[in-house]
Amino acid sequence: MNSPDIAFARSVRDERETALELDSVSRVFDGRAVLKDVSLKVKRGEFVSMLGASGAGKTTLLRILAGLDQADSGRVRVAGARSVVFQEPRLVPAKRVWENVVIGHDRLNAAKPSALAALDEVGLTRNADGWPKTLSGGEAQRVALARALVREPKLLLLDEPFAALDALTRIRMYELVARLWRAHTPAVVLVTHDIDEAILLSDRIVVLSQGEISADVVVDFPRPRSRSDEAAIALRTRLLAELGVTQDAPQKAA
């Protein structure tokens, strides 16, 4: 296959309007097409969730957007300033919490004020000089969010960041992510298996099926949203159908 055309948004106008654009992107592993001619455009400030069964290509697509993998064909255009938050916080145990926020910075002490400001945004100023092992799962994931946002990304990629958290902590994280998104206005692409999570947070929901986009749904009812809203219930029913899940089957199958 031809090598993909990888480009980064350079002009001020482009970075303001478009955070990512994919044109006929494909990825093949061992002769199997994991992504097939995927085209997608996300504007600056949009919150887009990706749903799909395991093996649908969600994580592969996210890795391509993050620069951790490369498409086999197609055009990939991504804003240069990107950050990723994974399912695991991936903190360095030997570094204090604030050091983890600005890890990789050439002058660590000079970056400390930025780290403290980011930790304040996620409510963890008191933990700044602590060690990662002292944090709860939710706190560690908040540090990972602070680390991502301290770089002021134009594109924030979230790879199932709430999956390992308990239900109450997940709800608090939804509220935190929504607040940080409004404050920093990056484009957000969230990979998730949770339909309600996608409905509560997103402007658009993209459904991947066998490596192709089978639906791209605008979520146009007002925030804050509730799972019991009539619009949310109707959208959940539609998304379950897109995912091939019958109404009497457990929703977690999505």
C-alpha atoms as a PDB file:
ATOM      1  CA  MET A   1       0.000   0.000   0.000  1.00  0.00           C
ATOM      2  CA  ASN A   2       1.024   3.607  -0.489  1.00  0.00           C
ATOM      3  CA  SER A   3       2.485   5.458   2.457  1.00  0.00           C
ATOM      4  CA  PRO A   4      -0.047   7.749   4.164  1.00  0.00           C
ATOM      5  CA  ASP A   5       0.155  11.496   3.805  1.00  0.00           C
ATOM      6  CA  ILE A   6       0.794  12.717   7.365  1.00  0.00           C
ATOM      7  CA  ALA A   7       0.386  16.462   7.849  1.00  0.00           C
ATOM      8  CA  PHE A   8       0.190  18.747  10.849  1.00  0.00           C
ATOM      9  CA  ALA A   9      -2.011  21.839  11.013  1.00  0.00           C
ATOM     10  CA  ARG A  10       0.307  24.807  10.650  1.00  0.00           C
ATOM     11  CA  SER A  11      -1.647  27.991  10.034  1.00  0.00           C
ATOM     12  CA  VAL A  12      -3.517  29.817  12.789  1.00  0.00           C
ATOM     13  CA  ARG A  13      -6.710  29.570  10.775  1.00  0.00           C
ATOM     14  CA  ASP A  14      -6.416  25.789  10.320  1.00  0.00           C
ATOM     15  CA  GLU A  15      -5.639  25.133  13.977  1.00  0.00           C
ATOM     16  CA  ARG A  16      -8.636  27.222  15.007  1.00  0.00           C
ATOM     17  CA  GLU A  17     -11.092  25.434  12.744  1.00  0.00           C
ATOM     18  CA  THR A  18      -9.879  21.841  12.372  1.00  0.00           C
ATOM     19  CA  ALA A  19      -8.224  19.617  14.955  1.00  0.00           C
ATOM     20  CA  LEU A  20      -8.112  16.482  12.832  1.00  0.00           C
ATOM     21  CA  GLU A  21      -9.080  15.275   9.398  1.00  0.00           C
ATOM     22  CA  LEU A  22      -8.892  11.715   8.092  1.00  0.00           C
ATOM     23  CA  ASP A  23      -9.426  10.931   4.428  1.00  0.00           C
ATOM     24  CA  SER A  24      -9.846   7.281   3.374  1.00  0.00           C
ATOM     25  CA  VAL A  25      -7.549   5.948   6.115  1.00  0.00           C
ATOM     26  CA  SER A  26      -6.897   2.202   6.202  1.00  0.00           C
ATOM     27  CA  ARG A  27      -4.810  -0.014   8.479  1.00  0.00           C
ATOM     28  CA  VAL A  28      -4.033  -3.682   7.873  1.00  0.00           C
ATOM     29  CA  PHE A  29      -2.643  -6.237  10.340  1.00  0.00           C
ATOM     30  CA  ASP A  30      -1.603  -9.694   9.107  1.00  0.00           C
ATOM     31  CA  GLY A  31      -3.746  -9.331   6.011  1.00  0.00           C
ATOM     32  CA  ARG A  32      -6.829  -8.196   7.949  1.00  0.00           C
ATOM     33  CA  ALA A  33      -8.174  -4.668   7.414  1.00  0.00           C
ATOM     34  CA  VAL A  34      -8.690  -3.212  10.898  1.00  0.00           C
ATOM     35  CA  LEU A  35      -9.621   0.182   9.421  1.00  0.00           C
ATOM     36  CA  LYS A  36     -11.210   0.519   5.974  1.00  0.00           C
ATOM     37  CA  ASP A  37     -11.280   3.878   4.198  1.00  0.00           C
ATOM     38  CA  VAL A  38     -12.191   5.843   7.327  1.00  0.00           C
ATOM     39  CA  SER A  39     -12.925   9.536   6.769  1.00  0.00           C
ATOM     40  CA  LEU A  40     -13.567  11.835   9.716  1.00  0.00           C
ATOM     41  CA  LYS A  41     -13.285  15.539  10.500  1.00  0.00           C
ATOM     42  CA  VAL A  42     -13.343  17.055  13.987  1.00  0.00           C
ATOM     43  CA  LYS A  43     -13.375  20.801  14.584  1.00  0.00           C
ATOM     44  CA  ARG A  44     -11.585  22.624  17.366  1.00  0.00           C
ATOM     45  CA  GLY A  45     -13.715  22.514  20.506  1.00  0.00           C
ATOM     46  CA  GLU A  46     -15.842  19.515  19.452  1.00  0.00           C
ATOM     47  CA  PHE A  47     -16.284  16.566  21.794  1.00  0.00           C
ATOM     48  CA  VAL A  48     -16.550  13.339  19.785  1.00  0.00           C
ATOM     49  CA  SER A  49     -16.970   9.850  21.234  1.00  0.00           C
ATOM     50  CA  MET A  50     -16.191   6.624  19.385  1.00  0.00           C
ATOM     51  CA  LEU A  51     -18.262   3.537  20.129  1.00  0.00           C
ATOM     52  CA  GLY A  52     -17.869   0.037  18.773  1.00  0.00           C
ATOM     53  CA  ALA A  53     -17.482  -3.578  19.750  1.00  0.00           C
ATOM     54  CA  SER A  54     -14.058  -4.920  20.687  1.00  0.00           C
ATOM     55  CA  GLY A  55     -12.002  -5.255  17.521  1.00  0.00           C
ATOM     56  CA  ALA A  56     -13.975  -2.577  15.660  1.00  0.00           C
ATOM     57  CA  GLY A  57     -10.838  -0.449  15.219  1.00  0.00           C
ATOM     58  CA  LYS A  58     -11.373   2.258  17.855  1.00  0.00           C
ATOM     59  CA  THR A  59      -8.028   1.932  19.621  1.00  0.00           C
ATOM     60  CA  THR A  60      -6.134   1.541  16.350  1.00  0.00           C
ATOM     61  CA  LEU A  61      -7.680   4.769  15.081  1.00  0.00           C
ATOM     62  CA  LEU A  62      -6.836   6.562  18.320  1.00  0.00           C
ATOM     63  CA  ARG A  63      -3.236   5.351  18.157  1.00  0.00           C
ATOM     64  CA  ILE A  64      -2.925   6.708  14.619  1.00  0.00           C
ATOM     65  CA  LEU A  65      -4.267  10.074  15.783  1.00  0.00           C
ATOM     66  CA  ALA A  66      -1.785  10.047  18.671  1.00  0.00           C
ATOM     67  CA  GLY A  67       1.146   9.268  16.358  1.00  0.00           C
ATOM     68  CA  LEU A  68       1.732   5.891  18.033  1.00  0.00           C
ATOM     69  CA  ASP A  69       0.816   3.964  14.892  1.00  0.00           C
ATOM     70  CA  GLN A  70       0.757   4.695  11.179  1.00  0.00           C
ATOM     71  CA  ALA A  71      -1.950   4.195   8.586  1.00  0.00           C
ATOM     72  CA  ASP A  72      -1.209   2.036   5.555  1.00  0.00           C
ATOM     73  CA  SER A  73      -3.048   4.338   3.196  1.00  0.00           C
ATOM     74  CA  GLY A  74      -5.057   7.537   3.212  1.00  0.00           C
ATOM     75  CA  ARG A  75      -4.452  11.031   4.513  1.00  0.00           C
ATOM     76  CA  VAL A  76      -4.028  11.853   8.206  1.00  0.00           C
ATOM     77  CA  ARG A  77      -4.073  15.500   9.186  1.00  0.00           C
ATOM     78  CA  VAL A  78      -3.761  16.202  12.917  1.00  0.00           C
ATOM     79  CA  ALA A  79      -3.142  19.344  14.962  1.00  0.00           C
ATOM     80  CA  GLY A  80       0.458  19.385  16.151  1.00  0.00           C
ATOM     81  CA  ALA A  81      -0.413  19.957  19.828  1.00  0.00           C
ATOM     82  CA  ARG A  82      -1.859  16.632  21.027  1.00  0.00           C
ATOM     83  CA  SER A  83      -2.169  14.902  24.382  1.00  0.00           C
ATOM     84  CA  VAL A  84      -3.337  11.399  25.275  1.00  0.00           C
ATOM     85  CA  VAL A  85      -4.915  10.001  28.444  1.00  0.00           C
ATOM     86  CA  PHE A  86      -4.949   6.207  28.586  1.00  0.00           C
ATOM     87  CA  GLN A  87      -7.023   3.770  30.636  1.00  0.00           C
ATOM     88  CA  GLU A  88      -4.070   3.454  33.026  1.00  0.00           C
ATOM     89  CA  PRO A  89      -2.659   6.730  34.414  1.00  0.00           C
ATOM     90  CA  ARG A  90       0.926   5.692  33.564  1.00  0.00           C
ATOM     91  CA  LEU A  91       2.521   7.747  36.330  1.00  0.00           C
ATOM     92  CA  VAL A  92       6.218   7.326  37.147  1.00  0.00           C
ATOM     93  CA  PRO A  93       6.417   5.929  40.723  1.00  0.00           C
ATOM     94  CA  ALA A  94       9.845   7.471  41.418  1.00  0.00           C
ATOM     95  CA  LYS A  95       8.661  11.015  40.683  1.00  0.00           C
ATOM     96  CA  ARG A  96       6.441  13.188  42.833  1.00  0.00           C
ATOM     97  CA  VAL A  97       2.939  14.024  41.648  1.00  0.00           C
ATOM     98  CA  TRP A  98       3.804  17.512  40.380  1.00  0.00           C
ATOM     99  CA  GLU A  99       6.858  16.130  38.557  1.00  0.00           C
ATOM    100  CA  ASN A 100       4.617  13.631  36.773  1.00  0.00           C
ATOM    101  CA  VAL A 101       2.477  16.497  35.494  1.00  0.00           C
ATOM    102  CA  VAL A 102       5.407  18.169  33.712  1.00  0.00           C
ATOM    103  CA  ILE A 103       7.484  15.060  33.061  1.00  0.00           C
ATOM    104  CA  GLY A 104       9.791  15.506  30.094  1.00  0.00           C
ATOM    105  CA  HIS A 105      10.160  19.230  30.625  1.00  0.00           C
ATOM    106  CA  ASP A 106      13.745  20.421  30.160  1.00  0.00           C
ATOM    107  CA  ARG A 107      13.729  22.573  33.307  1.00  0.00           C
ATOM    108  CA  LEU A 108      11.621  20.784  35.867  1.00  0.00           C
ATOM    109  CA  ASN A 109      11.718  23.395  38.634  1.00  0.00           C
ATOM    110  CA  ALA A 110      10.878  26.186  36.197  1.00  0.00           C
ATOM    111  CA  ALA A 111       7.809  24.189  35.159  1.00  0.00           C
ATOM    112  CA  LYS A 112       6.587  23.628  38.729  1.00  0.00           C
ATOM    113  CA  PRO A 113       4.200  26.645  38.769  1.00  0.00           C
ATOM    114  CA  SER A 114       2.489  25.267  35.659  1.00  0.00           C
ATOM    115  CA  ALA A 115       2.234  21.842  37.300  1.00  0.00           C
ATOM    116  CA  LEU A 116       0.700  23.315  40.448  1.00  0.00           C
ATOM    117  CA  ALA A 117      -1.798  25.343  38.413  1.00  0.00           C
ATOM    118  CA  ALA A 118      -2.838  22.200  36.507  1.00  0.00           C
ATOM    119  CA  LEU A 119      -3.176  20.213  39.733  1.00  0.00           C
ATOM    120  CA  ASP A 120      -5.319  22.992  41.178  1.00  0.00           C
ATOM    121  CA  GLU A 121      -7.659  22.646  38.205  1.00  0.00           C
ATOM    122  CA  VAL A 122      -8.202  18.963  38.956  1.00  0.00           C
ATOM    123  CA  GLY A 123      -8.432  19.507  42.738  1.00  0.00           C
ATOM    124  CA  LEU A 124      -5.147  17.905  43.737  1.00  0.00           C
ATOM    125  CA  THR A 125      -2.961  20.768  44.931  1.00  0.00           C
ATOM    126  CA  ARG A 126      -2.630  19.093  48.339  1.00  0.00           C
ATOM    127  CA  ASN A 127      -1.086  16.023  46.682  1.00  0.00           C
ATOM    128  CA  ALA A 128       1.534  17.898  44.663  1.00  0.00           C
ATOM    129  CA  ASP A 129       4.531  16.759  46.707  1.00  0.00           C
ATOM    130  CA  GLY A 130       3.207  13.252  47.311  1.00  0.00           C
ATOM    131  CA  TRP A 131       4.064  10.030  45.503  1.00  0.00           C
ATOM    132  CA  PRO A 132       1.859   8.239  42.964  1.00  0.00           C
ATOM    133  CA  LYS A 133       1.471   5.194  45.236  1.00  0.00           C
ATOM    134  CA  THR A 134      -0.468   7.336  47.733  1.00  0.00           C
ATOM    135  CA  LEU A 135      -3.174   8.214  45.187  1.00  0.00           C
ATOM    136  CA  SER A 136      -6.498   6.502  44.626  1.00  0.00           C
ATOM    137  CA  GLY A 137      -7.396   5.349  41.126  1.00  0.00           C
ATOM    138  CA  GLY A 138      -9.516   8.435  40.519  1.00  0.00           C
ATOM    139  CA  GLU A 139      -6.802  10.752  41.832  1.00  0.00           C
ATOM    140  CA  ALA A 140      -4.159   9.126  39.641  1.00  0.00           C
ATOM    141  CA  GLN A 141      -6.381   9.581  36.591  1.00  0.00           C
ATOM    142  CA  ARG A 142      -6.882  13.250  37.516  1.00  0.00           C
ATOM    143  CA  VAL A 143      -3.093  13.636  37.541  1.00  0.00           C
ATOM    144  CA  ALA A 144      -3.015  12.094  34.066  1.00  0.00           C
ATOM    145  CA  LEU A 145      -5.602  14.680  32.940  1.00  0.00           C
ATOM    146  CA  ALA A 146      -3.544  17.492  34.454  1.00  0.00           C
ATOM    147  CA  ARG A 147      -0.463  16.191  32.612  1.00  0.00           C
ATOM    148  CA  ALA A 148      -2.384  16.161  29.341  1.00  0.00           C
ATOM    149  CA  LEU A 149      -3.883  19.634  29.724  1.00  0.00           C
ATOM    150  CA  VAL A 150      -0.757  21.419  31.000  1.00  0.00           C
ATOM    151  CA  ARG A 151       0.492  21.196  27.412  1.00  0.00           C
ATOM    152  CA  GLU A 152      -2.552  23.152  26.164  1.00  0.00           C
ATOM    153  CA  PRO A 153      -3.389  20.632  23.419  1.00  0.00           C
ATOM    154  CA  LYS A 154      -5.530  21.457  20.417  1.00  0.00           C
ATOM    155  CA  LEU A 155      -6.536  17.774  20.418  1.00  0.00           C
ATOM    156  CA  LEU A 156      -7.116  15.680  23.548  1.00  0.00           C
ATOM    157  CA  LEU A 157      -7.344  11.911  23.006  1.00  0.00           C
ATOM    158  CA  LEU A 158      -8.989   9.808  25.729  1.00  0.00           C
ATOM    159  CA  ASP A 159      -8.632   6.022  25.535  1.00  0.00           C
ATOM    160  CA  GLU A 160     -11.263   4.613  27.923  1.00  0.00           C
ATOM    161  CA  PRO A 161      -9.901   6.730  30.800  1.00  0.00           C
ATOM    162  CA  PHE A 162     -12.798   5.895  33.167  1.00  0.00           C
ATOM    163  CA  ALA A 163     -13.008   2.137  32.561  1.00  0.00           C
ATOM    164  CA  ALA A 164     -11.111   1.076  35.690  1.00  0.00           C
ATOM    165  CA  LEU A 165     -12.940   3.454  38.058  1.00  0.00           C
ATOM    166  CA  ASP A 166     -15.888   2.717  40.323  1.00  0.00           C
ATOM    167  CA  ALA A 167     -19.313   4.102  39.382  1.00  0.00           C
ATOM    168  CA  LEU A 168     -19.279   7.114  41.725  1.00  0.00           C
ATOM    169  CA  THR A 169     -15.750   8.130  40.739  1.00  0.00           C
ATOM    170  CA  ARG A 170     -16.709   7.809  37.069  1.00  0.00           C
ATOM    171  CA  ILE A 171     -19.552  10.298  37.514  1.00  0.00           C
ATOM    172  CA  ARG A 172     -17.200  12.759  39.186  1.00  0.00           C
ATOM    173  CA  MET A 173     -14.690  12.295  36.381  1.00  0.00           C
ATOM    174  CA  TYR A 174     -17.378  12.996  33.768  1.00  0.00           C
ATOM    175  CA  GLU A 175     -18.099  16.308  35.487  1.00  0.00           C
ATOM    176  CA  LEU A 176     -14.390  17.138  35.707  1.00  0.00           C
ATOM    177  CA  VAL A 177     -13.668  16.321  32.069  1.00  0.00           C
ATOM    178  CA  ALA A 178     -16.672  18.380  30.936  1.00  0.00           C
ATOM    179  CA  ARG A 179     -15.496  21.351  33.005  1.00  0.00           C
ATOM    180  CA  LEU A 180     -11.901  21.126  31.779  1.00  0.00           C
ATOM    181  CA  TRP A 181     -13.080  20.775  28.178  1.00  0.00           C
ATOM    182  CA  ARG A 182     -15.145  23.948  28.480  1.00  0.00           C
ATOM    183  CA  ALA A 183     -12.226  25.796  30.081  1.00  0.00           C
ATOM    184  CA  HIS A 184      -9.510  24.742  27.599  1.00  0.00           C
ATOM    185  CA  THR A 185     -11.641  24.170  24.453  1.00  0.00           C
ATOM    186  CA  PRO A 186      -9.575  21.426  22.804  1.00  0.00           C
ATOM    187  CA  ALA A 187     -11.162  19.007  20.402  1.00  0.00           C
ATOM    188  CA  VAL A 188     -11.723  15.768  22.319  1.00  0.00           C
ATOM    189  CA  VAL A 189     -11.901  12.247  20.922  1.00  0.00           C
ATOM    190  CA  LEU A 190     -13.047   9.737  23.528  1.00  0.00           C
ATOM    191  CA  VAL A 191     -12.894   5.977  22.924  1.00  0.00           C
ATOM    192  CA  THR A 192     -15.439   4.227  25.109  1.00  0.00           C
ATOM    193  CA  HIS A 193     -17.620   1.120  25.384  1.00  0.00           C
ATOM    194  CA  ASP A 194     -20.149   2.991  27.548  1.00  0.00           C
ATOM    195  CA  ILE A 195     -23.103   4.370  25.578  1.00  0.00           C
ATOM    196  CA  ASP A 196     -24.369   6.546  28.439  1.00  0.00           C
ATOM    197  CA  GLU A 197     -20.901   8.013  28.910  1.00  0.00           C
ATOM    198  CA  ALA A 198     -20.847   9.012  25.253  1.00  0.00           C
ATOM    199  CA  ILE A 199     -24.338  10.524  25.412  1.00  0.00           C
ATOM    200  CA  LEU A 200     -23.631  12.552  28.547  1.00  0.00           C
ATOM    201  CA  LEU A 201     -20.380  14.064  27.260  1.00  0.00           C
ATOM    202  CA  SER A 202     -20.448  14.312  23.481  1.00  0.00           C
ATOM    203  CA  ASP A 203     -21.360  16.697  20.682  1.00  0.00           C
ATOM    204  CA  ARG A 204     -21.132  13.784  18.237  1.00  0.00           C
ATOM    205  CA  ILE A 205     -20.968  10.011  18.558  1.00  0.00           C
ATOM    206  CA  VAL A 206     -19.175   7.969  15.890  1.00  0.00           C
ATOM    207  CA  VAL A 207     -19.907   4.242  15.682  1.00  0.00           C
ATOM    208  CA  LEU A 208     -17.229   1.966  14.237  1.00  0.00           C
ATOM    209  CA  SER A 209     -18.213  -1.426  12.888  1.00  0.00           C
ATOM    210  CA  GLN A 210     -15.684  -3.848  11.407  1.00  0.00           C
ATOM    211  CA  GLY A 211     -13.256  -1.028  10.706  1.00  0.00           C
ATOM    212  CA  GLU A 212     -15.756   1.332   9.084  1.00  0.00           C
ATOM    213  CA  ILE A 213     -17.806   4.258  10.357  1.00  0.00           C
ATOM    214  CA  SER A 214     -21.395   2.991  10.366  1.00  0.00           C
ATOM    215  CA  ALA A 215     -22.919   6.069  12.035  1.00  0.00           C
ATOM    216  CA  ASP A 216     -21.976   9.649  12.891  1.00  0.00           C
ATOM    217  CA  VAL A 217     -24.666  11.037  15.184  1.00  0.00           C
ATOM    218  CA  VAL A 218     -25.021  14.629  16.370  1.00  0.00           C
ATOM    219  CA  VAL A 219     -26.052  14.923  20.036  1.00  0.00           C
ATOM    220  CA  ASP A 220     -27.963  18.177  19.965  1.00  0.00           C
ATOM    221  CA  PHE A 221     -29.981  18.250  23.178  1.00  0.00           C
ATOM    222  CA  PRO A 222     -28.888  20.603  26.000  1.00  0.00           C
ATOM    223  CA  ARG A 223     -26.354  19.967  28.738  1.00  0.00           C
ATOM    224  CA  PRO A 224     -26.329  18.981  31.557  1.00  0.00           C
ATOM    225  CA  ARG A 225     -27.868  15.674  30.488  1.00  0.00           C
ATOM    226  CA  SER A 226     -29.403  12.807  32.393  1.00  0.00           C
ATOM    227  CA  ARG A 227     -29.690   9.146  31.463  1.00  0.00           C
ATOM    228  CA  SER A 228     -33.430   9.441  32.114  1.00  0.00           C
ATOM    229  CA  ASP A 229     -33.966  12.266  29.587  1.00  0.00           C
ATOM    230  CA  GLU A 230     -36.351  11.212  26.826  1.00  0.00           C
ATOM    231  CA  ALA A 231     -33.808  12.354  24.223  1.00  0.00           C
ATOM    232  CA  ALA A 232     -31.075  10.301  25.909  1.00  0.00           C
ATOM    233  CA  ILE A 233     -33.282   7.208  26.022  1.00  0.00           C
ATOM    234  CA  ALA A 234     -34.165   7.569  22.330  1.00  0.00           C
ATOM    235  CA  LEU A 235     -30.526   8.061  21.367  1.00  0.00           C
ATOM    236  CA  ARG A 236     -29.441   5.086  23.470  1.00  0.00           C
ATOM    237  CA  THR A 237     -31.974   2.923  21.637  1.00  0.00           C
ATOM    238  CA  ARG A 238     -30.680   4.129  18.283  1.00  0.00           C
ATOM    239  CA  LEU A 239     -27.043   3.512  19.219  1.00  0.00           C
ATOM    240  CA  LEU A 240     -27.795   0.044  20.564  1.00  0.00           C
ATOM    241  CA  ALA A 241     -29.388  -0.792  17.223  1.00  0.00           C
ATOM    242  CA  GLU A 242     -26.318   0.551  15.394  1.00  0.00           C
ATOM    243  CA  LEU A 243     -24.161  -1.695  17.568  1.00  0.00           C
ATOM    244  CA  GLY A 244     -26.364  -4.714  16.885  1.00  0.00           C
ATOM    245  CA  VAL A 245     -27.520  -5.049  20.482  1.00  0.00           C
ATOM    246  CA  THR A 246     -31.138  -6.069  21.117  1.00  0.00           C
ATOM    247  CA  GLN A 247     -33.145  -4.178  23.716  1.00  0.00           C
ATOM    248  CA  ASP A 248     -33.357  -7.108  26.125  1.00  0.00           C
ATOM    249  CA  ALA A 249     -29.561  -7.710  26.021  1.00  0.00           C
ATOM    250  CA  PRO A 250     -27.219  -6.190  28.647  1.00  0.00           C
ATOM    251  CA  GLN A 251     -26.029  -2.748  27.546  1.00  0.00           C
ATOM    252  CA  LYS A 252     -22.468  -3.533  28.559  1.00  0.00           C
ATOM    253  CA  ALA A 253     -22.274  -5.758  25.487  1.00  0.00           C
ATOM    254  CA  ALA A 254     -21.743  -2.560  23.501  1.00  0.00           C
END
